[in-house]
Each structure stands twice: as structure tokens, then as C-alpha cells.
Amino acid sequence: MLARRVRITGLVQGVFFRAWTREEAKRLGLVGWVRNCADGSVEAHIEGDPGMVRWMIDKLAYGPKGARVDGCEARDVEPENLKAFEIRP
């Protein structure tokens, strides 16, 4: 089990980034959460199989159609032992 916290910057709010992230994470069998931040960035917590977590971070570096990702920084964190992937306010 690998857990990473990811901060994505650029044009990432108002372009369905969170919904896309949730769907991609579910498809890869990952758990965690994603939320918008006050500074215009998006933050995500991703847990699961190490290979799938790395793949998801690679996907976040490009984002969905309509987004423009300028930066994608990931760091190791402790697992939160979540059961699903959710969008947080």
C-alpha cells in the first residue's frame, strides 16, 4: 500500500478536474479524496497499489480535457485507510 498527497496547479478548477480524478482513481482501484484549494490548486490523497498510484500521479500531471496542468507535486504520506475515493468540499 502506497499513499501520496498530490498538489496540482494550473487551470484545474472549473474544468471537472475533481470528477475526472475520482473516476480515474476508481477505475484504477484506488481510494482517497480530491478537493479544490483556496489558492486555485487541487489537492488529492491517493492510496493503493504502488504501481497504480504512480500511474494515477502521471495522469494527474496531464489532467482531463479542458484543464491545463502547470505543476504536479507528490509526496509520501501515511495511509488514511479509506474505503472509497471521494470528492471533498
PDB file of N, CA and C in Angstrom:
ATOM      1  N   MET A   1       0.849  -1.185   0.000  1.00  0.00           N
ATOM      2  CA  MET A   1       0.000   0.000   0.000  1.00  0.00           C
ATOM      3  C   MET A   1       0.887   1.238   0.000  1.00  0.00           C
ATOM      4  N   LEU A   2       0.637   2.119  -0.935  1.00  0.00           N
ATOM      5  CA  LEU A   2       1.360   3.384  -1.036  1.00  0.00           C
ATOM      6  C   LEU A   2       0.358   4.518  -0.897  1.00  0.00           C
ATOM      7  N   ALA A   3       0.714   5.556  -0.169  1.00  0.00           N
ATOM      8  CA  ALA A   3      -0.141   6.738  -0.032  1.00  0.00           C
ATOM      9  C   ALA A   3       0.666   7.966  -0.418  1.00  0.00           C
ATOM     10  N   ARG A   4       0.073   8.807  -1.261  1.00  0.00           N
ATOM     11  CA  ARG A   4       0.718  10.041  -1.705  1.00  0.00           C
ATOM     12  C   ARG A   4      -0.270  11.192  -1.642  1.00  0.00           C
ATOM     13  N   ARG A   5       0.225  12.362  -1.261  1.00  0.00           N
ATOM     14  CA  ARG A   5      -0.546  13.609  -1.327  1.00  0.00           C
ATOM     15  C   ARG A   5      -0.026  14.372  -2.535  1.00  0.00           C
ATOM     16  N   VAL A   6      -0.947  14.818  -3.376  1.00  0.00           N
ATOM     17  CA  VAL A   6      -0.578  15.453  -4.638  1.00  0.00           C
ATOM     18  C   VAL A   6      -1.209  16.842  -4.707  1.00  0.00           C
ATOM     19  N   ARG A   7      -0.406  17.816  -5.134  1.00  0.00           N
ATOM     20  CA  ARG A   7      -0.899  19.184  -5.358  1.00  0.00           C
ATOM     21  C   ARG A   7      -0.734  19.485  -6.839  1.00  0.00           C
ATOM     22  N   ILE A   8      -1.861  19.870  -7.470  1.00  0.00           N
ATOM     23  CA  ILE A   8      -1.874  20.133  -8.898  1.00  0.00           C
ATOM     24  C   ILE A   8      -2.201  21.612  -9.100  1.00  0.00           C
ATOM     25  N   THR A   9      -1.374  22.312  -9.885  1.00  0.00           N
ATOM     26  CA  THR A   9      -1.589  23.726 -10.138  1.00  0.00           C
ATOM     27  C   THR A   9      -1.807  23.971 -11.628  1.00  0.00           C
ATOM     28  N   GLY A  10      -2.381  25.113 -11.930  1.00  0.00           N
ATOM     29  CA  GLY A  10      -2.679  25.497 -13.304  1.00  0.00           C
ATOM     30  C   GLY A  10      -4.154  25.834 -13.412  1.00  0.00           C
ATOM     31  N   LEU A  11      -4.729  25.617 -14.577  1.00  0.00           N
ATOM     32  CA  LEU A  11      -6.166  25.787 -14.766  1.00  0.00           C
ATOM     33  C   LEU A  11      -6.817  24.448 -14.431  1.00  0.00           C
ATOM     34  N   VAL A  12      -7.078  24.251 -13.133  1.00  0.00           N
ATOM     35  CA  VAL A  12      -7.540  22.950 -12.659  1.00  0.00           C
ATOM     36  C   VAL A  12      -8.852  23.030 -11.877  1.00  0.00           C
ATOM     37  N   GLN A  13      -9.407  24.216 -11.742  1.00  0.00           N
ATOM     38  CA  GLN A  13     -10.724  24.364 -11.121  1.00  0.00           C
ATOM     39  C   GLN A  13     -11.700  24.859 -12.176  1.00  0.00           C
ATOM     40  N   GLY A  14     -12.940  24.364 -12.084  1.00  0.00           N
ATOM     41  CA  GLY A  14     -13.958  24.743 -13.053  1.00  0.00           C
ATOM     42  C   GLY A  14     -13.875  23.979 -14.364  1.00  0.00           C
ATOM     43  N   VAL A  15     -13.098  22.907 -14.390  1.00  0.00           N
ATOM     44  CA  VAL A  15     -12.934  22.100 -15.613  1.00  0.00           C
ATOM     45  C   VAL A  15     -13.199  20.615 -15.343  1.00  0.00           C
ATOM     46  N   PHE A  16     -13.969  20.326 -14.287  1.00  0.00           N
ATOM     47  CA  PHE A  16     -14.340  18.957 -13.907  1.00  0.00           C
ATOM     48  C   PHE A  16     -13.142  18.106 -13.507  1.00  0.00           C
ATOM     49  N   PHE A  17     -12.085  18.762 -13.011  1.00  0.00           N
ATOM     50  CA  PHE A  17     -10.874  18.043 -12.615  1.00  0.00           C
ATOM     51  C   PHE A  17     -11.158  17.051 -11.487  1.00  0.00           C
ATOM     52  N   ARG A  18     -11.925  17.470 -10.479  1.00  0.00           N
ATOM     53  CA  ARG A  18     -12.201  16.571  -9.344  1.00  0.00           C
ATOM     54  C   ARG A  18     -13.017  15.358  -9.761  1.00  0.00           C
ATOM     55  N   ALA A  19     -14.044  15.568 -10.572  1.00  0.00           N
ATOM     56  CA  ALA A  19     -14.875  14.440 -11.015  1.00  0.00           C
ATOM     57  C   ALA A  19     -14.051  13.476 -11.871  1.00  0.00           C
ATOM     58  N   TRP A  20     -13.212  14.018 -12.745  1.00  0.00           N
ATOM     59  CA  TRP A  20     -12.357  13.190 -13.578  1.00  0.00           C
ATOM     60  C   TRP A  20     -11.380  12.387 -12.711  1.00  0.00           C
ATOM     61  N   THR A  21     -10.816  13.051 -11.696  1.00  0.00           N
ATOM     62  CA  THR A  21      -9.875  12.377 -10.796  1.00  0.00           C
ATOM     63  C   THR A  21     -10.551  11.213 -10.086  1.00  0.00           C
ATOM     64  N   ARG A  22     -11.759  11.448  -9.574  1.00  0.00           N
ATOM     65  CA  ARG A  22     -12.484  10.375  -8.876  1.00  0.00           C
ATOM     66  C   ARG A  22     -12.735   9.193  -9.804  1.00  0.00           C
ATOM     67  N   GLU A  23     -13.176   9.459 -11.016  1.00  0.00           N
ATOM     68  CA  GLU A  23     -13.466   8.376 -11.951  1.00  0.00           C
ATOM     69  C   GLU A  23     -12.205   7.596 -12.336  1.00  0.00           C
ATOM     70  N   GLU A  24     -11.112   8.297 -12.605  1.00  0.00           N
ATOM     71  CA  GLU A  24      -9.856   7.627 -12.942  1.00  0.00           C
ATOM     72  C   GLU A  24      -9.348   6.792 -11.763  1.00  0.00           C
ATOM     73  N   ALA A  25      -9.418   7.342 -10.561  1.00  0.00           N
ATOM     74  CA  ALA A  25      -8.961   6.616  -9.374  1.00  0.00           C
ATOM     75  C   ALA A  25      -9.792   5.349  -9.152  1.00  0.00           C
ATOM     76  N   LYS A  26     -11.101   5.470  -9.286  1.00  0.00           N
ATOM     77  CA  LYS A  26     -11.967   4.298  -9.123  1.00  0.00           C
ATOM     78  C   LYS A  26     -11.637   3.237 -10.165  1.00  0.00           C
ATOM     79  N   ARG A  27     -11.406   3.676 -11.398  1.00  0.00           N
ATOM     80  CA  ARG A  27     -11.082   2.743 -12.475  1.00  0.00           C
ATOM     81  C   ARG A  27      -9.789   1.982 -12.185  1.00  0.00           C
ATOM     82  N   LEU A  28      -8.854   2.644 -11.495  1.00  0.00           N
ATOM     83  CA  LEU A  28      -7.567   2.021 -11.172  1.00  0.00           C
ATOM     84  C   LEU A  28      -7.594   1.281  -9.827  1.00  0.00           C
ATOM     85  N   GLY A  29      -8.746   1.269  -9.156  1.00  0.00           N
ATOM     86  CA  GLY A  29      -8.869   0.563  -7.892  1.00  0.00           C
ATOM     87  C   GLY A  29      -8.226   1.287  -6.723  1.00  0.00           C
ATOM     88  N   LEU A  30      -8.154   2.613  -6.798  1.00  0.00           N
ATOM     89  CA  LEU A  30      -7.527   3.411  -5.744  1.00  0.00           C
ATOM     90  C   LEU A  30      -8.570   4.020  -4.832  1.00  0.00           C
ATOM     91  N   VAL A  31      -8.152   4.366  -3.625  1.00  0.00           N
ATOM     92  CA  VAL A  31      -9.015   5.071  -2.679  1.00  0.00           C
ATOM     93  C   VAL A  31      -8.345   6.393  -2.323  1.00  0.00           C
ATOM     94  N   GLY A  32      -9.144   7.298  -1.750  1.00  0.00           N
ATOM     95  CA  GLY A  32      -8.602   8.585  -1.333  1.00  0.00           C
ATOM     96  C   GLY A  32      -9.626   9.682  -1.475  1.00  0.00           C
ATOM     97  N   TRP A  33      -9.141  10.891  -1.752  1.00  0.00           N
ATOM     98  CA  TRP A  33     -10.026  12.038  -1.906  1.00  0.00           C
ATOM     99  C   TRP A  33      -9.355  13.100  -2.774  1.00  0.00           C
ATOM    100  N   VAL A  34     -10.174  14.040  -3.238  1.00  0.00           N
ATOM    101  CA  VAL A  34      -9.691  15.167  -4.021  1.00  0.00           C
ATOM    102  C   VAL A  34     -10.509  16.389  -3.606  1.00  0.00           C
ATOM    103  N   ARG A  35      -9.871  17.567  -3.582  1.00  0.00           N
ATOM    104  CA  ARG A  35     -10.584  18.787  -3.205  1.00  0.00           C
ATOM    105  C   ARG A  35      -9.934  20.003  -3.870  1.00  0.00           C
ATOM    106  N   ASN A  36     -10.754  21.044  -4.048  1.00  0.00           N
ATOM    107  CA  ASN A  36     -10.256  22.333  -4.504  1.00  0.00           C
ATOM    108  C   ASN A  36      -9.642  23.066  -3.328  1.00  0.00           C
ATOM    109  N   CYS A  37      -8.594  23.841  -3.582  1.00  0.00           N
ATOM    110  CA  CYS A  37      -7.957  24.660  -2.551  1.00  0.00           C
ATOM    111  C   CYS A  37      -8.229  26.135  -2.840  1.00  0.00           C
ATOM    112  N   ALA A  38      -8.168  26.947  -1.792  1.00  0.00           N
ATOM    113  CA  ALA A  38      -8.462  28.371  -1.911  1.00  0.00           C
ATOM    114  C   ALA A  38      -7.520  29.090  -2.876  1.00  0.00           C
ATOM    115  N   ASP A  39      -6.306  28.581  -3.064  1.00  0.00           N
ATOM    116  CA  ASP A  39      -5.337  29.244  -3.949  1.00  0.00           C
ATOM    117  C   ASP A  39      -5.514  28.878  -5.424  1.00  0.00           C
ATOM    118  N   GLY A  40      -6.567  28.121  -5.752  1.00  0.00           N
ATOM    119  CA  GLY A  40      -6.831  27.741  -7.142  1.00  0.00           C
ATOM    120  C   GLY A  40      -6.253  26.401  -7.546  1.00  0.00           C
ATOM    121  N   SER A  41      -5.505  25.770  -6.658  1.00  0.00           N
ATOM    122  CA  SER A  41      -4.941  24.453  -6.956  1.00  0.00           C
ATOM    123  C   SER A  41      -5.937  23.360  -6.562  1.00  0.00           C
ATOM    124  N   VAL A  42      -5.586  22.136  -6.872  1.00  0.00           N
ATOM    125  CA  VAL A  42      -6.352  20.957  -6.462  1.00  0.00           C
ATOM    126  C   VAL A  42      -5.412  20.071  -5.670  1.00  0.00           C
ATOM    127  N   GLU A  43      -5.921  19.502  -4.571  1.00  0.00           N
ATOM    128  CA  GLU A  43      -5.140  18.590  -3.743  1.00  0.00           C
ATOM    129  C   GLU A  43      -5.821  17.229  -3.741  1.00  0.00           C
ATOM    130  N   ALA A  44      -5.023  16.185  -3.824  1.00  0.00           N
ATOM    131  CA  ALA A  44      -5.560  14.825  -3.814  1.00  0.00           C
ATOM    132  C   ALA A  44      -4.749  13.951  -2.866  1.00  0.00           C
ATOM    133  N   HIS A  45      -5.428  13.015  -2.243  1.00  0.00           N
ATOM    134  CA  HIS A  45      -4.800  11.979  -1.422  1.00  0.00           C
ATOM    135  C   HIS A  45      -5.133  10.664  -2.109  1.00  0.00           C
ATOM    136  N   ILE A  46      -4.096   9.909  -2.462  1.00  0.00           N
ATOM    137  CA  ILE A  46      -4.279   8.677  -3.239  1.00  0.00           C
ATOM    138  C   ILE A  46      -3.615   7.523  -2.505  1.00  0.00           C
ATOM    139  N   GLU A  47      -4.341   6.415  -2.365  1.00  0.00           N
ATOM    140  CA  GLU A  47      -3.811   5.215  -1.716  1.00  0.00           C
ATOM    141  C   GLU A  47      -4.111   3.991  -2.569  1.00  0.00           C
ATOM    142  N   GLY A  48      -3.177   3.049  -2.530  1.00  0.00           N
ATOM    143  CA  GLY A  48      -3.428   1.782  -3.197  1.00  0.00           C
ATOM    144  C   GLY A  48      -2.150   1.113  -3.642  1.00  0.00           C
ATOM    145  N   ASP A  49      -2.290   0.245  -4.613  1.00  0.00           N
ATOM    146  CA  ASP A  49      -1.163  -0.463  -5.193  1.00  0.00           C
ATOM    147  C   ASP A  49      -0.126   0.549  -5.682  1.00  0.00           C
ATOM    148  N   PRO A  50       1.148   0.378  -5.321  1.00  0.00           N
ATOM    149  CA  PRO A  50       2.171   1.360  -5.706  1.00  0.00           C
ATOM    150  C   PRO A  50       2.218   1.676  -7.198  1.00  0.00           C
ATOM    151  N   GLY A  51       2.093   0.670  -8.048  1.00  0.00           N
ATOM    152  CA  GLY A  51       2.119   0.912  -9.487  1.00  0.00           C
ATOM    153  C   GLY A  51       0.930   1.732  -9.960  1.00  0.00           C
ATOM    154  N   MET A  52      -0.237   1.464  -9.398  1.00  0.00           N
ATOM    155  CA  MET A  52      -1.438   2.205  -9.778  1.00  0.00           C
ATOM    156  C   MET A  52      -1.384   3.647  -9.251  1.00  0.00           C
ATOM    157  N   VAL A  53      -0.827   3.830  -8.050  1.00  0.00           N
ATOM    158  CA  VAL A  53      -0.678   5.186  -7.503  1.00  0.00           C
ATOM    159  C   VAL A  53       0.240   6.004  -8.405  1.00  0.00           C
ATOM    160  N   ARG A  54       1.352   5.419  -8.805  1.00  0.00           N
ATOM    161  CA  ARG A  54       2.281   6.142  -9.692  1.00  0.00           C
ATOM    162  C   ARG A  54       1.627   6.462 -11.033  1.00  0.00           C
ATOM    163  N   TRP A  55       0.851   5.519 -11.553  1.00  0.00           N
ATOM    164  CA  TRP A  55       0.159   5.740 -12.819  1.00  0.00           C
ATOM    165  C   TRP A  55      -0.853   6.890 -12.673  1.00  0.00           C
ATOM    166  N   MET A  56      -1.573   6.917 -11.554  1.00  0.00           N
ATOM    167  CA  MET A  56      -2.549   7.974 -11.320  1.00  0.00           C
ATOM    168  C   MET A  56      -1.860   9.341 -11.239  1.00  0.00           C
ATOM    169  N   ILE A  57      -0.722   9.402 -10.586  1.00  0.00           N
ATOM    170  CA  ILE A  57       0.007  10.669 -10.492  1.00  0.00           C
ATOM    171  C   ILE A  57       0.452  11.125 -11.882  1.00  0.00           C
ATOM    172  N   ASP A  58       0.878  10.186 -12.720  1.00  0.00           N
ATOM    173  CA  ASP A  58       1.215  10.532 -14.101  1.00  0.00           C
ATOM    174  C   ASP A  58       0.006  11.105 -14.832  1.00  0.00           C
ATOM    175  N   LYS A  59      -1.177  10.527 -14.603  1.00  0.00           N
ATOM    176  CA  LYS A  59      -2.400  11.032 -15.229  1.00  0.00           C
ATOM    177  C   LYS A  59      -2.727  12.433 -14.715  1.00  0.00           C
ATOM    178  N   LEU A  60      -2.549  12.659 -13.412  1.00  0.00           N
ATOM    179  CA  LEU A  60      -2.834  13.976 -12.841  1.00  0.00           C
ATOM    180  C   LEU A  60      -1.932  15.057 -13.434  1.00  0.00           C
ATOM    181  N   ALA A  61      -0.743  14.686 -13.844  1.00  0.00           N
ATOM    182  CA  ALA A  61       0.190  15.651 -14.424  1.00  0.00           C
ATOM    183  C   ALA A  61      -0.307  16.194 -15.760  1.00  0.00           C
ATOM    184  N   TYR A  62      -1.265  15.512 -16.375  1.00  0.00           N
ATOM    185  CA  TYR A  62      -1.859  15.978 -17.637  1.00  0.00           C
ATOM    186  C   TYR A  62      -3.290  16.453 -17.441  1.00  0.00           C
ATOM    187  N   GLY A  63      -4.027  15.794 -16.554  1.00  0.00           N
ATOM    188  CA  GLY A  63      -5.406  16.184 -16.265  1.00  0.00           C
ATOM    189  C   GLY A  63      -6.365  15.855 -17.387  1.00  0.00           C
ATOM    190  N   PRO A  64      -7.636  16.219 -17.171  1.00  0.00           N
ATOM    191  CA  PRO A  64      -8.668  15.948 -18.175  1.00  0.00           C
ATOM    192  C   PRO A  64      -8.638  16.980 -19.298  1.00  0.00           C
ATOM    193  N   LYS A  65      -9.366  16.692 -20.331  1.00  0.00           N
ATOM    194  CA  LYS A  65      -9.520  17.641 -21.436  1.00  0.00           C
ATOM    195  C   LYS A  65     -10.100  18.941 -20.868  1.00  0.00           C
ATOM    196  N   GLY A  66      -9.559  20.053 -21.262  1.00  0.00           N
ATOM    197  CA  GLY A  66     -10.031  21.352 -20.768  1.00  0.00           C
ATOM    198  C   GLY A  66      -9.199  21.912 -19.635  1.00  0.00           C
ATOM    199  N   ALA A  67      -8.411  21.070 -18.998  1.00  0.00           N
ATOM    200  CA  ALA A  67      -7.522  21.530 -17.920  1.00  0.00           C
ATOM    201  C   ALA A  67      -6.155  21.885 -18.498  1.00  0.00           C
ATOM    202  N   ARG A  68      -5.432  22.712 -17.762  1.00  0.00           N
ATOM    203  CA  ARG A  68      -4.032  22.991 -18.104  1.00  0.00           C
ATOM    204  C   ARG A  68      -3.233  22.818 -16.819  1.00  0.00           C
ATOM    205  N   VAL A  69      -2.438  21.783 -16.754  1.00  0.00           N
ATOM    206  CA  VAL A  69      -1.649  21.498 -15.563  1.00  0.00           C
ATOM    207  C   VAL A  69      -0.272  22.138 -15.719  1.00  0.00           C
ATOM    208  N   ASP A  70       0.061  23.034 -14.779  1.00  0.00           N
ATOM    209  CA  ASP A  70       1.376  23.679 -14.769  1.00  0.00           C
ATOM    210  C   ASP A  70       2.344  22.972 -13.827  1.00  0.00           C
ATOM    211  N   GLY A  71       1.816  22.339 -12.793  1.00  0.00           N
ATOM    212  CA  GLY A  71       2.667  21.649 -11.832  1.00  0.00           C
ATOM    213  C   GLY A  71       1.923  20.518 -11.153  1.00  0.00           C
ATOM    214  N   CYS A  72       2.654  19.476 -10.808  1.00  0.00           N
ATOM    215  CA  CYS A  72       2.082  18.316 -10.129  1.00  0.00           C
ATOM    216  C   CYS A  72       3.147  17.783  -9.174  1.00  0.00           C
ATOM    217  N   GLU A  73       2.966  18.066  -7.896  1.00  0.00           N
ATOM    218  CA  GLU A  73       3.945  17.665  -6.884  1.00  0.00           C
ATOM    219  C   GLU A  73       3.343  16.604  -5.978  1.00  0.00           C
ATOM    220  N   ALA A  74       4.073  15.515  -5.781  1.00  0.00           N
ATOM    221  CA  ALA A  74       3.595  14.418  -4.931  1.00  0.00           C
ATOM    222  C   ALA A  74       4.590  14.166  -3.820  1.00  0.00           C
ATOM    223  N   ARG A  75       4.044  13.820  -2.652  1.00  0.00           N
ATOM    224  CA  ARG A  75       4.897  13.464  -1.519  1.00  0.00           C
ATOM    225  C   ARG A  75       4.280  12.271  -0.793  1.00  0.00           C
ATOM    226  N   ASP A  76       5.145  11.474  -0.178  1.00  0.00           N
ATOM    227  CA  ASP A  76       4.673  10.333   0.597  1.00  0.00           C
ATOM    228  C   ASP A  76       3.979  10.812   1.860  1.00  0.00           C
ATOM    229  N   VAL A  77       2.877  10.163   2.202  1.00  0.00           N
ATOM    230  CA  VAL A  77       2.146  10.433   3.438  1.00  0.00           C
ATOM    231  C   VAL A  77       1.701   9.102   4.032  1.00  0.00           C
ATOM    232  N   GLU A  78       1.194   9.169   5.242  1.00  0.00           N
ATOM    233  CA  GLU A  78       0.662   7.971   5.892  1.00  0.00           C
ATOM    234  C   GLU A  78      -0.706   7.621   5.299  1.00  0.00           C
ATOM    235  N   PRO A  79      -0.983   6.344   5.118  1.00  0.00           N
ATOM    236  CA  PRO A  79      -2.312   5.943   4.645  1.00  0.00           C
ATOM    237  C   PRO A  79      -3.394   6.363   5.634  1.00  0.00           C
ATOM    238  N   GLU A  80      -4.553   6.736   5.105  1.00  0.00           N
ATOM    239  CA  GLU A  80      -5.704   7.083   5.936  1.00  0.00           C
ATOM    240  C   GLU A  80      -6.691   5.931   6.027  1.00  0.00           C
ATOM    241  N   ASN A  81      -6.360   4.797   5.391  1.00  0.00           N
ATOM    242  CA  ASN A  81      -7.192   3.585   5.418  1.00  0.00           C
ATOM    243  C   ASN A  81      -8.631   3.869   5.005  1.00  0.00           C
ATOM    244  N   LEU A  82      -8.784   4.538   3.892  1.00  0.00           N
ATOM    245  CA  LEU A  82     -10.096   4.888   3.369  1.00  0.00           C
ATOM    246  C   LEU A  82     -10.703   3.706   2.622  1.00  0.00           C
ATOM    247  N   LYS A  83     -12.010   3.770   2.409  1.00  0.00           N
ATOM    248  CA  LYS A  83     -12.727   2.663   1.749  1.00  0.00           C
ATOM    249  C   LYS A  83     -13.131   2.986   0.317  1.00  0.00           C
ATOM    250  N   ALA A  84     -13.093   4.279  -0.069  1.00  0.00           N
ATOM    251  CA  ALA A  84     -13.543   4.692  -1.400  1.00  0.00           C
ATOM    252  C   ALA A  84     -12.768   5.942  -1.805  1.00  0.00           C
ATOM    253  N   PHE A  85     -13.072   6.455  -2.986  1.00  0.00           N
ATOM    254  CA  PHE A  85     -12.477   7.706  -3.449  1.00  0.00           C
ATOM    255  C   PHE A  85     -13.594   8.740  -3.514  1.00  0.00           C
ATOM    256  N   GLU A  86     -13.399   9.865  -2.832  1.00  0.00           N
ATOM    257  CA  GLU A  86     -14.479  10.849  -2.741  1.00  0.00           C
ATOM    258  C   GLU A  86     -14.006  12.250  -3.115  1.00  0.00           C
ATOM    259  N   ILE A  87     -14.968  13.062  -3.495  1.00  0.00           N
ATOM    260  CA  ILE A  87     -14.713  14.488  -3.705  1.00  0.00           C
ATOM    261  C   ILE A  87     -15.046  15.179  -2.395  1.00  0.00           C
ATOM    262  N   ARG A  88     -14.109  15.943  -1.902  1.00  0.00           N
ATOM    263  CA  ARG A  88     -14.321  16.692  -0.655  1.00  0.00           C
ATOM    264  C   ARG A  88     -14.529  18.163  -0.974  1.00  0.00           C
ATOM    265  N   PRO A  89     -15.294  18.858  -0.114  1.00  0.00           N
ATOM    266  CA  PRO A  89     -15.513  20.291  -0.332  1.00  0.00           C
ATOM    267  C   PRO A  89     -14.244  21.095  -0.080  1.00  0.00           C
TER     268      PRO A  89
END
